[in-house]
């Protein structure tokens, strides 16, 4: 019964190969995107640290994304 499912009427090789390629591709895109996001977050934090206190507070008040980045970074450090 399980071998019938894996074989899929003789098309199992193509189906499982296609499924594997798609899964590997999705994982690769996810990891690449995550790496790029971390890079941009770190660049943003460096730029934020170079601002004056008033500019930094204004940026944090006006941007929820900035608040989330700073909060996430403070948990790590």
N, C-alpha and C. Protein backbone atom coordinates (compact mmCIF):
# COMPACT_ATOMS: atom_id res chain seq x y z
N UNK A 1 0.81 -1.18 0.00
CA UNK A 1 0.00 0.00 0.00
C UNK A 1 0.87 1.27 0.00
N UNK A 2 1.86 1.32 0.89
CA UNK A 2 2.73 2.50 0.93
C UNK A 2 3.60 2.56 -0.32
N UNK A 3 3.99 1.41 -0.84
CA UNK A 3 4.80 1.42 -2.06
C UNK A 3 3.98 1.92 -3.25
N UNK A 4 2.68 1.63 -3.24
CA UNK A 4 1.81 2.15 -4.30
C UNK A 4 1.74 3.68 -4.23
N UNK A 5 1.68 4.20 -3.01
CA UNK A 5 1.64 5.65 -2.84
C UNK A 5 2.94 6.28 -3.31
N UNK A 6 4.07 5.68 -2.94
CA UNK A 6 5.38 6.23 -3.33
C UNK A 6 5.57 6.11 -4.85
N UNK A 7 5.14 5.01 -5.43
CA UNK A 7 5.30 4.79 -6.87
C UNK A 7 4.36 5.67 -7.69
N UNK A 8 3.19 5.98 -7.16
CA UNK A 8 2.19 6.83 -7.82
C UNK A 8 1.96 6.43 -9.27
N UNK A 9 1.61 5.18 -9.45
CA UNK A 9 1.30 4.64 -10.78
C UNK A 9 2.42 4.84 -11.79
N UNK A 10 3.65 4.75 -11.35
CA UNK A 10 4.79 4.87 -12.24
C UNK A 10 5.31 6.29 -12.41
N UNK A 11 4.61 7.26 -11.85
CA UNK A 11 5.04 8.66 -11.97
C UNK A 11 5.74 9.16 -10.70
N UNK A 12 5.95 8.29 -9.76
CA UNK A 12 6.53 8.67 -8.47
C UNK A 12 7.88 9.36 -8.59
N UNK A 13 8.74 8.85 -9.45
CA UNK A 13 10.06 9.45 -9.61
C UNK A 13 9.95 10.91 -10.00
N UNK A 14 9.10 11.22 -10.96
CA UNK A 14 8.95 12.60 -11.43
C UNK A 14 8.29 13.48 -10.37
N UNK A 15 7.29 12.94 -9.71
CA UNK A 15 6.58 13.72 -8.69
C UNK A 15 7.48 14.01 -7.51
N UNK A 16 8.16 13.00 -6.99
CA UNK A 16 9.02 13.22 -5.82
C UNK A 16 10.24 14.07 -6.16
N UNK A 17 10.77 13.92 -7.36
CA UNK A 17 11.88 14.76 -7.79
C UNK A 17 11.44 16.22 -7.90
N UNK A 18 10.28 16.45 -8.48
CA UNK A 18 9.75 17.81 -8.61
C UNK A 18 9.48 18.41 -7.23
N UNK A 19 8.87 17.63 -6.36
CA UNK A 19 8.59 18.08 -5.00
C UNK A 19 9.88 18.45 -4.28
N UNK A 20 10.91 17.63 -4.42
CA UNK A 20 12.19 17.90 -3.77
C UNK A 20 12.84 19.17 -4.30
N UNK A 21 12.80 19.36 -5.61
CA UNK A 21 13.40 20.56 -6.21
C UNK A 21 12.68 21.82 -5.71
N UNK A 22 11.36 21.78 -5.66
CA UNK A 22 10.59 22.93 -5.19
C UNK A 22 10.89 23.19 -3.72
N UNK A 23 10.93 22.17 -2.90
CA UNK A 23 11.21 22.33 -1.48
C UNK A 23 12.61 22.92 -1.25
N UNK A 24 13.59 22.40 -1.94
CA UNK A 24 14.97 22.91 -1.81
C UNK A 24 15.04 24.37 -2.28
N UNK A 25 14.34 24.68 -3.36
CA UNK A 25 14.33 26.06 -3.88
C UNK A 25 13.69 27.01 -2.88
N UNK A 26 12.59 26.61 -2.28
CA UNK A 26 11.92 27.45 -1.29
C UNK A 26 12.79 27.68 -0.06
N UNK A 27 13.48 26.67 0.38
CA UNK A 27 14.38 26.81 1.54
C UNK A 27 15.53 27.75 1.18
N UNK A 28 16.08 27.62 -0.02
CA UNK A 28 17.18 28.49 -0.43
C UNK A 28 16.74 29.94 -0.51
N UNK A 29 15.56 30.19 -1.06
CA UNK A 29 15.05 31.56 -1.14
C UNK A 29 14.79 32.12 0.25
N UNK A 30 14.24 31.32 1.13
CA UNK A 30 13.99 31.76 2.51
C UNK A 30 15.30 32.14 3.20
N UNK A 31 16.31 31.30 3.11
CA UNK A 31 17.58 31.58 3.77
C UNK A 31 18.25 32.81 3.19
N UNK A 32 18.21 32.97 1.88
CA UNK A 32 18.80 34.14 1.23
C UNK A 32 18.09 35.42 1.67
N UNK A 33 16.76 35.37 1.72
CA UNK A 33 15.98 36.52 2.14
C UNK A 33 16.24 36.87 3.60
N UNK A 34 16.33 35.86 4.44
CA UNK A 34 16.61 36.10 5.86
C UNK A 34 17.98 36.74 6.04
N UNK A 35 18.97 36.27 5.30
CA UNK A 35 20.33 36.84 5.38
C UNK A 35 20.34 38.29 4.93
N UNK A 36 19.64 38.58 3.84
CA UNK A 36 19.58 39.95 3.32
C UNK A 36 18.86 40.87 4.30
N UNK A 37 17.78 40.38 4.90
CA UNK A 37 17.04 41.18 5.87
C UNK A 37 17.93 41.53 7.06
N UNK A 38 18.67 40.58 7.57
CA UNK A 38 19.58 40.85 8.70
C UNK A 38 20.63 41.88 8.32
N UNK A 39 21.13 41.80 7.09
CA UNK A 39 22.12 42.77 6.62
C UNK A 39 21.53 44.18 6.62
N UNK A 40 20.33 44.33 6.07
CA UNK A 40 19.70 45.64 6.02
C UNK A 40 19.31 46.15 7.41
N UNK A 41 18.91 45.26 8.30
CA UNK A 41 18.60 45.67 9.66
C UNK A 41 19.84 46.20 10.36
N UNK A 42 20.96 45.53 10.18
CA UNK A 42 22.21 45.99 10.79
C UNK A 42 22.65 47.34 10.22
N UNK A 43 22.50 47.52 8.91
CA UNK A 43 22.83 48.82 8.30
C UNK A 43 21.92 49.91 8.85
N UNK A 44 20.64 49.60 9.04
CA UNK A 44 19.70 50.56 9.59
C UNK A 44 20.08 50.95 11.01
N UNK A 45 20.47 49.96 11.82
CA UNK A 45 20.85 50.25 13.20
C UNK A 45 22.09 51.13 13.27
N UNK A 46 23.04 50.91 12.37
CA UNK A 46 24.24 51.76 12.32
C UNK A 46 23.85 53.19 11.98
N UNK A 47 22.97 53.35 11.00
CA UNK A 47 22.52 54.70 10.63
C UNK A 47 21.73 55.34 11.76
N UNK A 48 20.92 54.55 12.45
CA UNK A 48 20.13 55.07 13.56
C UNK A 48 21.03 55.54 14.70
N UNK A 49 22.11 54.83 14.95
CA UNK A 49 23.02 55.21 16.02
C UNK A 49 23.78 56.49 15.68
N UNK A 50 23.93 56.80 14.40
CA UNK A 50 24.63 58.02 13.99
C UNK A 50 23.74 59.26 14.07
N UNK A 51 22.44 59.08 14.30
CA UNK A 51 21.53 60.22 14.40
C UNK A 51 21.64 60.87 15.77
N UNK A 52 21.22 62.12 15.85
CA UNK A 52 21.15 62.78 17.17
C UNK A 52 20.00 62.16 17.96
N UNK A 53 19.96 62.46 19.23
CA UNK A 53 18.93 61.88 20.10
C UNK A 53 17.53 62.31 19.64
N UNK A 54 17.37 63.56 19.28
CA UNK A 54 16.07 64.06 18.82
C UNK A 54 15.64 63.36 17.53
N UNK A 55 16.54 63.25 16.59
CA UNK A 55 16.21 62.59 15.32
C UNK A 55 15.90 61.12 15.52
N UNK A 56 16.65 60.49 16.43
CA UNK A 56 16.42 59.07 16.72
C UNK A 56 15.04 58.88 17.34
N UNK A 57 14.69 59.70 18.32
CA UNK A 57 13.38 59.59 18.95
C UNK A 57 12.26 59.85 17.96
N UNK A 58 12.43 60.83 17.08
CA UNK A 58 11.42 61.13 16.07
C UNK A 58 11.25 59.96 15.11
N UNK A 59 12.35 59.36 14.73
CA UNK A 59 12.29 58.21 13.81
C UNK A 59 11.59 57.03 14.48
N UNK A 60 11.87 56.81 15.75
CA UNK A 60 11.24 55.69 16.46
C UNK A 60 9.76 55.94 16.72
N UNK A 61 9.39 57.20 16.93
CA UNK A 61 7.97 57.52 17.16
C UNK A 61 7.16 57.36 15.88
N UNK A 62 7.74 57.67 14.75
CA UNK A 62 7.01 57.68 13.48
C UNK A 62 7.03 56.34 12.74
N UNK A 63 7.86 55.41 13.15
CA UNK A 63 8.00 54.18 12.38
C UNK A 63 7.88 52.94 13.27
N UNK A 64 6.85 52.16 12.99
CA UNK A 64 6.68 50.91 13.74
C UNK A 64 7.77 49.90 13.36
N UNK A 65 8.20 49.95 12.11
CA UNK A 65 9.26 49.04 11.65
C UNK A 65 10.55 49.33 12.42
N UNK A 66 10.88 50.60 12.57
CA UNK A 66 12.08 50.98 13.32
C UNK A 66 11.99 50.51 14.76
N UNK A 67 10.81 50.64 15.36
CA UNK A 67 10.61 50.18 16.74
C UNK A 67 10.84 48.67 16.84
N UNK A 68 10.33 47.92 15.86
CA UNK A 68 10.48 46.47 15.88
C UNK A 68 11.94 46.06 15.70
N UNK A 69 12.64 46.75 14.83
CA UNK A 69 14.05 46.42 14.59
C UNK A 69 14.87 46.68 15.85
N UNK A 70 14.63 47.83 16.49
CA UNK A 70 15.37 48.17 17.71
C UNK A 70 15.01 47.18 18.82
N UNK A 71 13.74 46.83 18.95
CA UNK A 71 13.32 45.89 19.98
C UNK A 71 13.93 44.51 19.75
N UNK A 72 13.94 44.06 18.51
CA UNK A 72 14.52 42.74 18.21
C UNK A 72 16.01 42.74 18.48
N UNK A 73 16.69 43.83 18.16
CA UNK A 73 18.13 43.90 18.38
C UNK A 73 18.46 43.98 19.86
N UNK A 74 17.62 44.66 20.64
CA UNK A 74 17.90 44.76 22.07
C UNK A 74 17.71 43.42 22.77
N UNK A 75 16.84 42.56 22.25
CA UNK A 75 16.66 41.22 22.83
C UNK A 75 17.89 40.37 22.58
N UNK A 76 18.51 40.55 21.41
CA UNK A 76 19.68 39.75 21.05
C UNK A 76 20.88 40.17 21.88
N UNK A 77 21.06 41.47 22.05
CA UNK A 77 22.24 41.96 22.79
C UNK A 77 22.03 41.95 24.24
